[in-house]
């Protein structure tokens, strides 16, 4: 099961734990504020962010990176790319 899978409660707990352990405080706070505003869970938002990041980056970019590093980079780039769309 992916740490970003929010389809089951167990997956959601896993995603929340992953967020706490791997994102910066700023990123976790940003994700919480946006998820509340959009009425989505943080894990749903992170899953969408990760999907977009993987679509934009070929495996050569991420295949040697750890999951936490990928998540931090994906959220950072997402915030920069979409900053005008969010609070």
Protein backbone atom coordinates (compact mmCIF):
# COMPACT_ATOMS: atom_id res chain seq x y z
CA UNK A 1 0.00 0.00 0.00
CA UNK A 2 1.34 3.43 -0.91
CA UNK A 3 1.85 5.89 1.96
CA UNK A 4 -0.30 8.28 -0.05
CA UNK A 5 -3.29 5.93 -0.41
CA UNK A 6 -6.27 7.36 1.45
CA UNK A 7 -8.83 4.78 0.33
CA UNK A 8 -8.81 2.99 3.69
CA UNK A 9 -8.47 4.26 7.24
CA UNK A 10 -5.20 2.35 7.59
CA UNK A 11 -3.85 4.05 4.46
CA UNK A 12 -4.97 7.44 5.77
CA UNK A 13 -3.20 6.84 9.09
CA UNK A 14 -0.11 5.78 7.20
CA UNK A 15 -0.23 8.90 5.01
CA UNK A 16 -0.68 11.16 8.06
CA UNK A 17 2.31 9.53 9.72
CA UNK A 18 4.32 9.92 6.52
CA UNK A 19 3.41 13.62 6.35
CA UNK A 20 4.49 14.23 9.95
CA UNK A 21 7.78 12.40 9.51
CA UNK A 22 8.81 13.63 6.06
CA UNK A 23 7.48 17.09 5.25
CA UNK A 24 8.91 20.27 6.66
CA UNK A 25 6.83 22.11 9.26
CA UNK A 26 6.03 24.77 6.66
CA UNK A 27 4.93 22.16 4.11
CA UNK A 28 2.77 20.27 6.61
CA UNK A 29 1.14 23.52 7.75
CA UNK A 30 0.58 24.63 4.14
CA UNK A 31 -0.93 21.25 3.30
CA UNK A 32 -3.26 21.42 6.33
CA UNK A 33 -4.50 24.93 5.47
CA UNK A 34 -5.10 24.05 1.83
CA UNK A 35 -6.83 20.77 2.64
CA UNK A 36 -9.20 22.57 5.02
CA UNK A 37 -9.96 25.23 2.43
CA UNK A 38 -10.55 22.64 -0.30
CA UNK A 39 -12.35 20.20 2.01
CA UNK A 40 -9.98 17.36 1.15
CA UNK A 41 -7.80 15.29 3.43
CA UNK A 42 -4.11 16.04 3.60
CA UNK A 43 -3.41 12.57 2.26
CA UNK A 44 -5.69 13.16 -0.76
CA UNK A 45 -3.91 16.42 -1.50
CA UNK A 46 -0.47 14.86 -1.09
CA UNK A 47 -1.44 12.00 -3.37
CA UNK A 48 -2.51 14.49 -6.08
CA UNK A 49 0.70 16.49 -5.61
CA UNK A 50 2.81 13.34 -5.91
CA UNK A 51 0.92 12.17 -8.99
CA UNK A 52 1.56 15.52 -10.69
CA UNK A 53 5.23 15.45 -9.69
CA UNK A 54 5.76 11.92 -11.05
CA UNK A 55 4.03 12.93 -14.29
CA UNK A 56 6.44 15.88 -14.67
CA UNK A 57 9.64 14.06 -13.70
CA UNK A 58 11.09 11.02 -15.45
CA UNK A 59 12.34 8.07 -13.38
CA UNK A 60 15.94 9.19 -13.89
CA UNK A 61 15.15 12.16 -11.61
CA UNK A 62 13.59 10.22 -8.75
CA UNK A 63 14.67 6.60 -8.90
CA UNK A 64 17.65 7.13 -6.54
CA UNK A 65 15.76 9.42 -4.13
CA UNK A 66 14.14 8.33 -0.86
CA UNK A 67 10.35 8.72 -0.44
CA UNK A 68 10.67 11.59 2.05
CA UNK A 69 13.00 13.53 -0.24
CA UNK A 70 10.62 13.01 -3.16
CA UNK A 71 7.65 14.19 -1.09
CA UNK A 72 9.44 17.33 0.17
CA UNK A 73 10.61 18.19 -3.33
CA UNK A 74 7.19 17.50 -4.86
CA UNK A 75 5.39 19.71 -2.33
CA UNK A 76 7.99 22.48 -2.65
CA UNK A 77 7.72 22.51 -6.45
CA UNK A 78 3.91 22.29 -6.30
CA UNK A 79 3.73 25.32 -4.01
CA UNK A 80 5.99 27.31 -6.34
CA UNK A 81 4.17 26.18 -9.49
CA UNK A 82 0.67 26.86 -8.13
CA UNK A 83 1.22 29.65 -5.60
CA UNK A 84 -1.30 31.99 -7.28
CA UNK A 85 -4.07 29.38 -6.95
CA UNK A 86 -3.84 28.90 -3.18
CA UNK A 87 -4.23 30.86 0.04
